[in-house]
N, C-alpha and C. Protein backbone atom coordinates (compact mmCIF):
# COMPACT_ATOMS: atom_id res chain seq x y z
N MET A 1 -7.63 27.75 7.44
CA MET A 1 -8.39 27.75 8.03
C MET A 1 -9.77 27.51 8.16
N ILE A 2 -10.24 28.17 6.86
CA ILE A 2 -11.65 28.19 6.55
C ILE A 2 -11.93 26.56 6.12
N TYR A 3 -11.02 26.31 5.34
CA TYR A 3 -11.22 24.86 4.93
C TYR A 3 -11.16 23.96 5.91
N LYS A 4 -10.43 24.08 7.08
CA LYS A 4 -10.38 23.15 8.04
C LYS A 4 -11.74 23.00 8.91
N ARG A 5 -12.30 24.34 9.28
CA ARG A 5 -13.18 24.31 10.14
C ARG A 5 -14.62 24.37 9.35
N TYR A 6 -14.90 24.62 7.96
CA TYR A 6 -16.19 24.77 7.19
C TYR A 6 -15.98 23.94 6.11
N ILE A 7 -15.13 24.08 5.42
CA ILE A 7 -15.33 23.38 3.85
C ILE A 7 -14.92 22.01 3.82
N LYS A 8 -14.24 21.40 4.44
CA LYS A 8 -13.92 20.11 5.05
C LYS A 8 -15.03 19.30 5.39
N ARG A 9 -15.61 19.74 6.15
CA ARG A 9 -17.12 19.02 6.71
C ARG A 9 -18.05 18.99 5.70
N ILE A 10 -18.13 20.18 4.97
CA ILE A 10 -19.21 20.17 3.55
C ILE A 10 -18.68 19.33 2.53
N LEU A 11 -17.58 19.12 2.42
CA LEU A 11 -17.26 18.01 1.36
C LEU A 11 -17.48 16.58 1.92
N ASP A 12 -17.21 16.50 3.28
CA ASP A 12 -17.31 15.34 3.82
C ASP A 12 -18.84 14.76 4.00
N ILE A 13 -19.79 15.62 3.87
CA ILE A 13 -21.25 15.08 3.88
C ILE A 13 -21.58 14.95 2.37
N LEU A 14 -21.24 15.43 1.28
CA LEU A 14 -21.56 15.61 0.39
C LEU A 14 -21.04 14.32 -0.45
N LEU A 15 -19.63 14.08 -0.30
CA LEU A 15 -19.13 13.03 -1.13
C LEU A 15 -19.49 11.62 -0.31
N SER A 16 -19.62 11.57 1.19
CA SER A 16 -20.22 10.05 1.91
C SER A 16 -21.59 10.10 1.45
N LEU A 17 -22.71 10.96 1.42
CA LEU A 17 -23.97 10.89 0.57
C LEU A 17 -23.76 10.34 -0.64
N PHE A 18 -22.92 10.69 -1.77
CA PHE A 18 -22.63 10.49 -2.88
C PHE A 18 -22.32 8.96 -2.68
N ALA A 19 -21.35 8.44 -1.88
CA ALA A 19 -20.62 7.40 -1.99
C ALA A 19 -21.77 6.25 -1.70
N VAL A 20 -22.56 6.45 -0.51
CA VAL A 20 -23.42 5.60 -0.11
C VAL A 20 -24.49 5.32 -1.03
N VAL A 21 -24.97 6.32 -1.60
CA VAL A 21 -26.24 5.98 -2.56
C VAL A 21 -25.73 5.29 -4.07
N ILE A 22 -24.35 5.56 -4.44
CA ILE A 22 -23.72 4.87 -5.79
C ILE A 22 -23.40 3.38 -5.20
N LEU A 23 -23.01 3.27 -3.87
CA LEU A 23 -22.57 1.94 -3.52
C LEU A 23 -23.50 1.10 -2.91
N SER A 24 -24.70 1.71 -2.84
CA SER A 24 -25.87 0.70 -2.14
C SER A 24 -25.57 -0.95 -2.87
N PRO A 25 -25.57 -1.07 -3.93
CA PRO A 25 -25.70 -2.43 -4.34
C PRO A 25 -24.25 -3.01 -3.93
N VAL A 26 -23.25 -2.20 -3.84
CA VAL A 26 -22.29 -2.98 -3.31
C VAL A 26 -22.26 -3.54 -1.83
N TYR A 27 -23.21 -2.86 -1.25
CA TYR A 27 -23.15 -2.86 0.21
C TYR A 27 -24.04 -4.17 0.31
N ILE A 28 -25.33 -4.27 -0.38
CA ILE A 28 -25.92 -5.46 -0.22
C ILE A 28 -25.38 -7.01 -0.55
N ILE A 29 -24.25 -6.83 -1.70
CA ILE A 29 -23.80 -7.98 -2.09
C ILE A 29 -22.69 -8.31 -1.24
N LEU A 30 -21.97 -7.25 -0.50
CA LEU A 30 -20.95 -7.70 0.48
C LEU A 30 -21.57 -8.23 1.92
N SER A 31 -22.65 -7.29 2.03
CA SER A 31 -23.47 -8.17 3.56
C SER A 31 -24.05 -9.58 3.22
N LEU A 32 -24.33 -9.82 2.13
CA LEU A 32 -24.70 -11.18 1.90
C LEU A 32 -23.43 -12.25 1.95
N LEU A 33 -22.60 -11.74 1.36
CA LEU A 33 -21.14 -12.63 1.14
C LEU A 33 -20.51 -12.71 2.40
N VAL A 34 -20.55 -11.63 3.52
CA VAL A 34 -20.01 -11.61 5.01
C VAL A 34 -20.52 -12.72 5.85
N ARG A 35 -21.94 -12.49 5.39
CA ARG A 35 -23.22 -13.24 6.30
C ARG A 35 -22.73 -14.93 6.29
N PHE A 36 -22.42 -14.99 4.73
CA PHE A 36 -22.54 -16.46 4.38
C PHE A 36 -20.91 -17.02 4.36
N LYS A 37 -19.89 -16.13 4.31
CA LYS A 37 -18.55 -16.83 4.62
C LYS A 37 -18.02 -16.70 5.89
N LEU A 38 -18.73 -15.83 6.61
CA LEU A 38 -18.05 -15.26 8.09
C LEU A 38 -18.72 -15.34 9.26
N GLY A 39 -20.01 -15.07 8.75
CA GLY A 39 -21.01 -15.50 10.01
C GLY A 39 -21.83 -14.14 10.42
N SER A 40 -22.36 -14.13 11.46
CA SER A 40 -23.07 -12.85 11.72
C SER A 40 -22.80 -12.32 13.17
N PRO A 41 -22.79 -11.16 13.68
CA PRO A 41 -23.19 -9.98 12.77
C PRO A 41 -22.24 -9.80 11.69
N VAL A 42 -22.88 -9.08 10.39
CA VAL A 42 -22.22 -8.84 9.19
C VAL A 42 -21.22 -7.53 9.65
N LEU A 43 -21.86 -6.73 10.59
CA LEU A 43 -20.97 -5.35 10.81
C LEU A 43 -20.33 -5.44 12.16
N PHE A 44 -19.05 -5.32 12.22
CA PHE A 44 -18.02 -5.05 13.43
C PHE A 44 -18.22 -3.78 13.95
N LYS A 45 -19.02 -3.58 15.26
CA LYS A 45 -19.07 -2.06 15.76
C LYS A 45 -18.20 -2.25 17.31
N GLN A 46 -17.16 -1.19 17.09
CA GLN A 46 -16.29 -1.17 18.28
C GLN A 46 -16.21 0.49 18.75
N LYS A 47 -15.82 0.75 20.04
CA LYS A 47 -16.05 1.88 20.43
C LYS A 47 -14.66 2.76 19.95
N ARG A 48 -14.57 3.70 19.62
CA ARG A 48 -13.23 4.38 19.20
C ARG A 48 -13.32 5.90 19.49
N PRO A 49 -12.16 6.36 19.96
CA PRO A 49 -12.04 7.77 20.22
C PRO A 49 -12.19 8.86 18.85
N GLY A 50 -13.02 9.93 18.96
CA GLY A 50 -13.09 10.81 17.63
C GLY A 50 -12.02 12.14 18.28
N LEU A 51 -13.09 13.53 17.57
CA LEU A 51 -12.47 14.62 17.69
C LEU A 51 -12.50 14.67 19.28
N HIS A 52 -11.09 15.15 19.76
CA HIS A 52 -11.16 15.52 21.11
C HIS A 52 -11.21 14.30 22.18
N GLY A 53 -11.29 13.17 21.62
CA GLY A 53 -11.29 11.94 22.36
C GLY A 53 -12.55 11.55 22.51
N LYS A 54 -13.49 12.38 22.01
CA LYS A 54 -15.08 11.83 22.17
C LYS A 54 -15.32 10.44 21.71
N ILE A 55 -15.88 9.55 22.05
CA ILE A 55 -15.96 8.32 21.80
C ILE A 55 -17.67 7.93 21.07
N PHE A 56 -17.36 7.16 19.67
CA PHE A 56 -18.28 7.04 18.98
C PHE A 56 -18.20 5.28 18.79
N ASN A 57 -19.42 4.96 17.88
CA ASN A 57 -19.13 3.59 17.31
C ASN A 57 -18.84 3.61 15.87
N LEU A 58 -17.43 2.66 15.78
CA LEU A 58 -17.03 2.89 14.23
C LEU A 58 -17.65 1.55 13.69
N TYR A 59 -18.04 1.49 12.67
CA TYR A 59 -18.58 0.54 12.06
C TYR A 59 -17.60 0.14 10.84
N LYS A 60 -17.50 -1.33 10.48
CA LYS A 60 -16.68 -2.04 9.63
C LYS A 60 -17.29 -3.18 9.05
N TYR A 61 -17.08 -3.85 8.14
CA TYR A 61 -17.73 -5.09 7.83
C TYR A 61 -16.78 -6.30 8.55
N ARG A 62 -17.17 -7.44 9.27
CA ARG A 62 -16.21 -8.07 10.08
C ARG A 62 -15.15 -9.01 9.00
N THR A 63 -14.46 -9.19 9.38
CA THR A 63 -13.13 -9.76 8.66
C THR A 63 -12.78 -11.09 9.19
N MET A 64 -13.14 -11.41 10.36
CA MET A 64 -12.77 -12.62 10.94
C MET A 64 -14.08 -13.44 11.29
N THR A 65 -13.81 -15.11 11.53
CA THR A 65 -14.93 -15.69 11.94
C THR A 65 -14.97 -15.83 13.38
N ASP A 66 -15.94 -16.67 14.06
CA ASP A 66 -16.09 -16.75 15.74
C ASP A 66 -15.28 -17.95 16.18
N GLU A 67 -14.30 -18.72 15.13
CA GLU A 67 -14.02 -19.95 15.85
C GLU A 67 -13.37 -20.02 17.07
N ARG A 68 -13.68 -21.11 17.58
CA ARG A 68 -13.06 -21.23 19.11
C ARG A 68 -12.55 -22.31 19.02
N ASP A 69 -11.55 -22.76 20.36
CA ASP A 69 -10.68 -23.86 20.57
C ASP A 69 -11.67 -24.77 21.50
N GLU A 70 -11.09 -26.03 21.71
CA GLU A 70 -11.56 -26.87 22.72
C GLU A 70 -12.36 -26.30 24.05
N ASN A 71 -11.81 -25.06 24.49
CA ASN A 71 -11.69 -24.54 25.88
C ASN A 71 -13.11 -23.31 25.54
N GLY A 72 -13.41 -23.17 24.33
CA GLY A 72 -14.55 -21.80 24.19
C GLY A 72 -13.64 -20.71 24.06
N GLU A 73 -12.41 -20.54 23.87
CA GLU A 73 -11.93 -19.32 23.76
C GLU A 73 -11.72 -18.99 21.91
N LEU A 74 -11.70 -17.80 21.73
CA LEU A 74 -11.47 -17.36 20.56
C LEU A 74 -10.17 -17.94 19.93
N LYS A 75 -9.84 -18.47 18.84
CA LYS A 75 -8.77 -18.64 18.03
C LYS A 75 -7.83 -17.44 17.94
N SER A 76 -6.65 -17.72 17.45
CA SER A 76 -5.79 -16.67 17.06
C SER A 76 -6.29 -15.85 15.94
N ASP A 77 -5.91 -14.73 15.73
CA ASP A 77 -6.47 -13.36 14.42
C ASP A 77 -5.93 -14.41 13.76
N GLU A 78 -4.88 -14.71 13.21
CA GLU A 78 -4.08 -15.42 12.14
C GLU A 78 -5.01 -16.47 11.55
N VAL A 79 -5.76 -17.37 12.80
CA VAL A 79 -6.64 -18.59 12.43
C VAL A 79 -8.02 -18.14 11.63
N ARG A 80 -8.40 -17.17 12.62
CA ARG A 80 -9.80 -16.46 12.28
C ARG A 80 -9.89 -15.63 10.82
N LEU A 81 -9.12 -15.26 10.59
CA LEU A 81 -8.95 -14.55 9.13
C LEU A 81 -8.61 -15.26 8.14
N ASN A 82 -9.95 -15.52 7.62
CA ASN A 82 -9.58 -16.69 6.71
C ASN A 82 -9.37 -15.99 5.13
N PRO A 83 -9.15 -16.55 4.24
CA PRO A 83 -8.99 -16.25 2.87
C PRO A 83 -9.96 -14.86 2.11
N PHE A 84 -11.31 -15.06 2.52
CA PHE A 84 -12.18 -14.01 2.08
C PHE A 84 -11.92 -12.80 3.02
N GLY A 85 -11.64 -12.84 4.25
CA GLY A 85 -11.72 -11.73 5.14
C GLY A 85 -10.50 -11.14 4.58
N LYS A 86 -9.42 -12.09 4.53
CA LYS A 86 -8.03 -11.32 3.83
C LYS A 86 -8.11 -10.35 2.80
N LYS A 87 -8.95 -10.90 2.10
CA LYS A 87 -9.51 -10.04 0.76
C LYS A 87 -9.96 -8.83 1.13
N LEU A 88 -11.01 -9.09 1.98
CA LEU A 88 -11.85 -7.58 2.41
C LEU A 88 -10.61 -6.69 2.80
N ARG A 89 -9.85 -6.80 3.71
CA ARG A 89 -9.00 -6.03 4.28
C ARG A 89 -7.76 -5.88 2.97
N SER A 90 -7.15 -6.60 2.20
CA SER A 90 -6.29 -6.23 1.10
C SER A 90 -6.95 -4.74 -0.03
N THR A 91 -8.18 -5.16 0.01
CA THR A 91 -8.93 -4.43 -0.92
C THR A 91 -9.67 -3.34 -0.18
N SER A 92 -9.55 -3.00 0.94
CA SER A 92 -10.30 -2.17 1.92
C SER A 92 -11.71 -2.11 1.80
N LEU A 93 -12.29 -3.18 1.39
CA LEU A 93 -13.81 -3.15 1.50
C LEU A 93 -14.20 -3.21 2.77
N ASP A 94 -13.53 -3.91 3.66
CA ASP A 94 -14.20 -3.64 5.02
C ASP A 94 -14.39 -2.52 5.34
N GLU A 95 -13.76 -1.19 5.08
CA GLU A 95 -13.87 0.20 5.45
C GLU A 95 -14.90 0.75 5.12
N LEU A 96 -15.98 -0.06 3.81
CA LEU A 96 -17.01 0.98 3.38
C LEU A 96 -17.81 1.23 4.29
N PRO A 97 -18.38 0.74 5.25
CA PRO A 97 -19.38 1.27 6.26
C PRO A 97 -19.06 2.32 7.07
N GLU A 98 -17.70 2.59 6.91
CA GLU A 98 -17.20 4.09 7.52
C GLU A 98 -18.14 5.10 6.77
N PHE A 99 -18.24 4.88 5.76
CA PHE A 99 -19.01 5.94 4.85
C PHE A 99 -20.14 7.01 5.82
N PHE A 100 -21.07 5.83 6.66
CA PHE A 100 -22.07 6.27 7.36
C PHE A 100 -21.30 6.99 8.44
N ASN A 101 -20.33 6.62 9.01
CA ASN A 101 -19.88 7.44 10.58
C ASN A 101 -19.33 8.67 9.74
N ILE A 102 -18.55 8.92 8.29
CA ILE A 102 -18.58 10.21 7.81
C ILE A 102 -19.77 11.20 7.77
N LEU A 103 -20.77 10.33 7.43
CA LEU A 103 -22.21 11.36 7.17
C LEU A 103 -22.62 11.84 8.65
N LYS A 104 -22.23 10.79 9.54
CA LYS A 104 -22.82 11.17 10.83
C LYS A 104 -22.12 12.21 11.43
N GLY A 105 -20.90 12.58 10.99
CA GLY A 105 -19.74 13.59 11.34
C GLY A 105 -19.11 12.98 12.78
N ASP A 106 -19.05 11.56 12.65
CA ASP A 106 -17.72 10.84 13.77
C ASP A 106 -16.72 10.96 12.79
N MET A 107 -16.51 11.04 11.51
CA MET A 107 -15.19 11.09 10.89
C MET A 107 -15.37 11.86 9.71
N SER A 108 -13.90 11.88 9.21
CA SER A 108 -13.69 12.45 7.83
C SER A 108 -13.11 11.72 6.69
N PHE A 109 -13.06 12.15 5.63
CA PHE A 109 -12.66 11.39 4.50
C PHE A 109 -11.11 11.11 4.91
N VAL A 110 -10.50 12.22 5.50
CA VAL A 110 -9.03 12.22 5.59
C VAL A 110 -8.76 12.60 7.03
N GLY A 111 -7.82 12.24 7.92
CA GLY A 111 -7.66 12.45 9.36
C GLY A 111 -6.88 10.96 9.64
N PRO A 112 -6.11 11.39 11.06
CA PRO A 112 -5.74 10.40 11.40
C PRO A 112 -6.88 8.93 11.83
N ARG A 113 -6.21 7.87 11.70
CA ARG A 113 -7.54 6.60 11.81
C ARG A 113 -7.74 6.38 13.29
N PRO A 114 -9.09 6.35 13.33
CA PRO A 114 -9.31 5.92 14.85
C PRO A 114 -8.83 4.82 15.45
N LEU A 115 -8.11 4.89 16.68
CA LEU A 115 -7.49 3.67 17.40
C LEU A 115 -8.34 3.20 18.51
N LEU A 116 -7.91 2.34 19.13
CA LEU A 116 -8.78 1.83 20.17
C LEU A 116 -8.79 2.97 21.43
N VAL A 117 -9.71 3.06 22.18
CA VAL A 117 -10.02 3.58 23.18
C VAL A 117 -8.70 3.27 24.48
N GLN A 118 -8.52 2.19 24.62
CA GLN A 118 -7.73 1.93 25.70
C GLN A 118 -6.17 2.47 25.46
N TYR A 119 -6.22 3.07 24.33
CA TYR A 119 -4.64 3.66 24.15
C TYR A 119 -4.52 5.47 24.55
N LEU A 120 -6.01 5.87 24.63
CA LEU A 120 -5.76 7.03 25.10
C LEU A 120 -5.02 7.70 26.39
N PRO A 121 -4.68 6.87 27.37
CA PRO A 121 -3.99 7.31 28.42
C PRO A 121 -2.57 6.87 27.87
N LEU A 122 -2.34 6.44 26.88
CA LEU A 122 -0.76 5.96 26.78
C LEU A 122 -0.33 7.13 25.60
N TYR A 123 -0.46 7.72 25.16
CA TYR A 123 -0.40 8.81 24.27
C TYR A 123 0.74 9.98 25.23
N ASN A 124 1.69 10.21 24.43
CA ASN A 124 2.57 11.42 25.31
C ASN A 124 1.72 12.74 24.68
N GLU A 125 2.47 13.63 25.30
CA GLU A 125 1.51 14.95 25.01
C GLU A 125 1.69 15.23 23.54
N GLU A 126 2.53 14.90 22.71
CA GLU A 126 2.60 15.31 21.13
C GLU A 126 1.57 14.37 20.65
N GLN A 127 1.88 12.84 20.88
CA GLN A 127 1.22 11.96 20.06
C GLN A 127 -0.83 12.40 20.37
N ALA A 128 -0.87 13.16 21.49
CA ALA A 128 -2.28 13.24 21.80
C ALA A 128 -3.10 14.28 20.94
N HIS A 129 -2.03 14.89 20.41
CA HIS A 129 -2.52 16.18 19.23
C HIS A 129 -3.31 15.26 17.94
N ARG A 130 -2.94 14.05 17.82
CA ARG A 130 -3.83 13.27 16.65
C ARG A 130 -5.35 13.41 16.74
N HIS A 131 -5.64 13.69 18.00
CA HIS A 131 -7.44 13.93 18.50
C HIS A 131 -7.87 15.36 18.19
N ASP A 132 -7.00 16.01 17.77
CA ASP A 132 -7.29 17.45 17.41
C ASP A 132 -7.97 17.81 16.30
N VAL A 133 -8.34 16.69 15.39
CA VAL A 133 -9.11 16.57 14.59
C VAL A 133 -10.16 15.55 14.00
N LEU A 134 -10.82 15.65 13.43
CA LEU A 134 -11.95 14.45 13.23
C LEU A 134 -10.84 13.23 13.01
N PRO A 135 -10.94 11.95 13.26
CA PRO A 135 -10.55 10.74 12.62
C PRO A 135 -10.83 10.72 11.20
N GLY A 136 -9.77 9.72 10.27
CA GLY A 136 -10.21 9.85 9.20
C GLY A 136 -10.48 8.57 8.43
N LEU A 137 -11.02 8.38 7.26
CA LEU A 137 -11.19 6.62 6.50
C LEU A 137 -9.78 6.51 6.36
N THR A 138 -8.96 7.66 5.91
CA THR A 138 -7.62 7.14 5.30
C THR A 138 -6.76 8.49 5.91
N GLY A 139 -5.56 8.32 5.96
CA GLY A 139 -4.69 9.43 6.53
C GLY A 139 -3.43 9.51 6.16
N TRP A 140 -2.61 10.36 6.56
CA TRP A 140 -1.26 10.39 5.95
C TRP A 140 -0.33 9.42 6.39
N ALA A 141 -0.62 8.82 7.75
CA ALA A 141 0.28 7.75 8.13
C ALA A 141 -0.42 6.60 7.22
N GLN A 142 -1.21 6.40 6.73
CA GLN A 142 -1.89 5.46 5.87
C GLN A 142 -1.12 5.07 4.72
N VAL A 143 -1.24 6.36 4.22
CA VAL A 143 -0.16 6.35 2.90
C VAL A 143 1.41 6.45 2.73
N ASN A 144 1.51 6.44 4.11
CA ASN A 144 3.34 6.25 4.31
C ASN A 144 3.55 5.06 5.31
N GLY A 145 2.65 3.91 5.02
CA GLY A 145 3.07 2.67 5.63
C GLY A 145 2.15 1.97 5.99
N ARG A 146 0.90 2.58 6.44
CA ARG A 146 -0.04 1.70 7.07
C ARG A 146 0.44 0.79 8.21
N ASN A 147 0.09 -0.37 8.39
CA ASN A 147 0.59 -1.18 9.31
C ASN A 147 2.06 -1.67 9.40
N ALA A 148 2.84 -1.47 8.20
CA ALA A 148 3.95 -1.73 8.17
C ALA A 148 5.08 -0.68 8.91
N ILE A 149 4.46 0.30 9.42
CA ILE A 149 5.55 1.16 9.95
C ILE A 149 5.31 1.07 11.65
N SER A 150 6.28 1.57 12.48
CA SER A 150 6.04 1.18 14.10
C SER A 150 4.80 2.39 14.21
N TRP A 151 4.30 2.33 15.63
CA TRP A 151 3.46 3.21 16.17
C TRP A 151 4.00 4.70 16.14
N GLU A 152 5.36 4.72 16.69
CA GLU A 152 5.73 5.85 16.78
C GLU A 152 5.97 6.75 15.38
N GLU A 153 6.19 6.01 14.32
CA GLU A 153 6.41 6.69 12.95
C GLU A 153 4.92 7.16 12.69
N LYS A 154 3.98 6.10 13.09
CA LYS A 154 2.55 6.47 12.58
C LYS A 154 2.00 7.76 13.31
N PHE A 155 2.26 7.94 14.56
CA PHE A 155 1.89 8.79 15.21
C PHE A 155 2.69 10.41 14.83
N LYS A 156 3.72 10.43 14.43
CA LYS A 156 4.46 11.32 14.06
C LYS A 156 3.73 11.84 12.69
N TYR A 157 3.31 10.74 11.71
CA TYR A 157 2.55 11.50 10.43
C TYR A 157 1.38 11.74 10.72
N ASP A 158 0.64 11.39 11.90
CA ASP A 158 -0.44 12.03 12.37
C ASP A 158 -0.48 13.37 12.64
N VAL A 159 0.45 13.67 13.54
CA VAL A 159 0.65 14.97 14.18
C VAL A 159 1.14 15.93 13.05
N GLU A 160 1.75 15.29 12.22
CA GLU A 160 2.18 16.42 11.12
C GLU A 160 1.08 16.70 10.13
N TYR A 161 0.16 15.93 9.82
CA TYR A 161 -1.10 15.87 9.43
C TYR A 161 -1.86 17.08 10.00
N VAL A 162 -2.09 17.15 11.25
CA VAL A 162 -2.95 17.81 11.82
C VAL A 162 -2.34 19.01 12.15
N ASN A 163 -1.30 19.60 11.92
CA ASN A 163 -0.37 20.69 11.81
C ASN A 163 -0.44 20.93 10.43
N ASN A 164 -0.98 20.40 9.48
CA ASN A 164 -0.79 20.95 8.23
C ASN A 164 -1.85 20.77 7.33
N VAL A 165 -3.17 20.80 7.86
CA VAL A 165 -4.46 20.24 7.33
C VAL A 165 -4.75 21.55 6.08
N SER A 166 -4.99 20.95 4.83
CA SER A 166 -5.44 21.76 3.66
C SER A 166 -5.99 20.81 2.97
N PHE A 167 -6.71 21.50 1.73
CA PHE A 167 -7.20 20.88 0.84
C PHE A 167 -6.04 20.33 -0.18
N ALA A 168 -4.88 20.67 -0.40
CA ALA A 168 -3.89 20.17 -1.22
C ALA A 168 -3.62 19.16 -0.82
N MET A 169 -3.37 18.85 0.80
CA MET A 169 -2.81 17.96 1.64
C MET A 169 -3.82 16.71 1.27
N ASP A 170 -5.25 16.91 1.74
CA ASP A 170 -6.27 16.05 1.60
C ASP A 170 -6.42 15.33 0.27
N LEU A 171 -6.23 16.53 -0.88
CA LEU A 171 -6.18 15.75 -2.27
C LEU A 171 -5.09 14.76 -2.48
N LYS A 172 -3.89 15.14 -1.81
CA LYS A 172 -2.82 14.20 -2.08
C LYS A 172 -2.93 13.07 -1.70
N ILE A 173 -3.61 13.00 -0.16
CA ILE A 173 -3.55 11.82 0.57
C ILE A 173 -4.53 10.82 -0.18
N VAL A 174 -5.85 11.70 -0.62
CA VAL A 174 -6.58 10.53 -1.50
C VAL A 174 -6.24 10.04 -2.46
N PHE A 175 -5.49 10.47 -3.39
CA PHE A 175 -4.83 10.00 -4.56
C PHE A 175 -3.89 8.84 -4.15
N MET A 176 -2.91 9.17 -3.05
CA MET A 176 -2.21 8.39 -2.46
C MET A 176 -2.85 7.16 -2.07
N THR A 177 -4.09 7.37 -1.06
CA THR A 177 -4.62 6.14 -0.89
C THR A 177 -5.21 4.95 -1.88
N VAL A 178 -5.46 5.57 -3.21
CA VAL A 178 -5.85 4.80 -3.92
C VAL A 178 -5.01 4.22 -4.51
N LYS A 179 -3.64 4.66 -4.75
CA LYS A 179 -2.43 3.95 -5.18
C LYS A 179 -2.05 2.87 -4.34
N SER A 180 -2.32 3.20 -2.95
CA SER A 180 -1.64 2.09 -1.91
C SER A 180 -3.01 0.97 -2.23
N VAL A 181 -4.04 1.20 -2.20
CA VAL A 181 -5.01 0.15 -2.17
C VAL A 181 -4.74 -0.78 -3.17
N LEU A 182 -4.43 -0.22 -4.48
CA LEU A 182 -4.56 -1.10 -5.98
C LEU A 182 -3.23 -1.90 -5.89
N LYS A 183 -2.07 -1.21 -4.94
CA LYS A 183 -0.94 -2.28 -4.95
C LYS A 183 -0.88 -3.13 -3.54
N ARG A 184 -1.97 -2.72 -2.85
CA ARG A 184 -2.25 -3.77 -1.53
C ARG A 184 -1.04 -3.51 -0.56
N GLU A 185 -0.77 -2.31 -0.48
CA GLU A 185 0.68 -2.11 0.40
C GLU A 185 0.31 -1.66 1.85
N GLY A 186 1.18 -2.43 2.89
CA GLY A 186 1.20 -2.23 4.26
C GLY A 186 -0.05 -2.63 5.06
N ILE A 187 -0.62 -3.74 4.43
CA ILE A 187 -1.99 -4.29 4.98
C ILE A 187 -1.66 -4.53 6.37
N SER A 188 -0.51 -5.48 6.69
CA SER A 188 -0.05 -6.22 7.81
C SER A 188 1.01 -5.97 8.59
N SER A 189 1.42 -5.62 9.68
CA SER A 189 2.86 -5.62 10.06
C SER A 189 3.64 -6.74 10.01
N GLU A 190 5.00 -6.65 9.88
CA GLU A 190 5.68 -7.87 9.70
C GLU A 190 5.16 -9.16 10.98
N GLY A 191 4.92 -10.27 10.47
CA GLY A 191 4.96 -11.28 11.34
C GLY A 191 3.59 -11.45 12.19
N SER A 192 2.61 -10.48 11.62
CA SER A 192 1.32 -10.51 12.28
C SER A 192 0.12 -10.20 11.18
N ALA A 193 -1.12 -10.79 11.76
CA ALA A 193 -2.11 -10.82 10.92
C ALA A 193 -2.88 -9.21 10.99
N THR A 194 -2.55 -8.71 12.14
CA THR A 194 -2.84 -7.41 12.32
C THR A 194 -1.66 -6.40 13.18
N MET A 195 -2.02 -5.42 13.35
CA MET A 195 -0.93 -4.45 14.14
C MET A 195 -0.86 -4.89 15.33
N GLU A 196 0.34 -5.02 15.92
CA GLU A 196 0.36 -4.98 17.31
C GLU A 196 0.02 -4.10 18.25
N PHE A 197 -0.39 -4.51 19.29
CA PHE A 197 -0.99 -3.41 20.45
C PHE A 197 0.14 -2.31 20.60
N PHE A 198 -0.46 -1.40 21.04
CA PHE A 198 0.42 -0.17 21.43
C PHE A 198 0.22 -0.05 22.95
N THR A 199 1.50 -0.10 23.53
CA THR A 199 1.70 -0.34 24.53
C THR A 199 2.24 1.13 25.37
N GLY A 200 2.64 2.31 24.85
CA GLY A 200 3.16 3.31 25.17
C GLY A 200 4.45 3.64 24.58
N THR A 201 4.86 4.69 24.37
CA THR A 201 6.28 5.06 23.81
C THR A 201 7.36 5.10 24.83
N LYS A 202 8.28 4.41 25.09
CA LYS A 202 9.40 4.67 25.96
C LYS A 202 9.98 6.25 25.88
N ASP A 203 10.11 6.65 27.25
CA ASP A 203 11.02 7.99 26.88
C ASP A 203 12.32 7.77 26.85
N GLU A 204 12.84 8.46 25.90
CA GLU A 204 14.36 8.33 25.68
C GLU A 204 15.44 9.13 26.30
């Protein structure tokens, strides 16, 4: 309980501040590359629900272009996700701006990933418990399949994490995350450039 309420946040502040300072040259280089290869704005900003469903602005590097068809409509994700954008995702470099979210207190290093606001009314009672802790840069679901597993499996891992938060578990998830990123596992769900939209869990 002490770790969950106090120590975890202190570690988040110290580690995210250290990461922002050390990675400042990387931020500059990536920002220039994203601007040149994908366009502007360089950062992708989106409303996401955090602790207890409180809404915050999530920051990531953009990974898609703004390519449009003859009617002015955005083309499919598969078309707009060019090789450079795929590389950013596969290496998880697009997630680096989230260190600022961690520093602000919107997120933690480890926790359920912050999803879309529109999903909030779709969670069942058990799934909603994923918002009982701060969302994370990485999480138990991410190291157990990421986008390659179903929504129901993902939420099951999220709630399992919420019920078992500890320093040992966080450390395990961090090491497993490094392994997953190096092996580039679970980046996309089968048949899609991104994860399909969650439409709710059907009652059995």
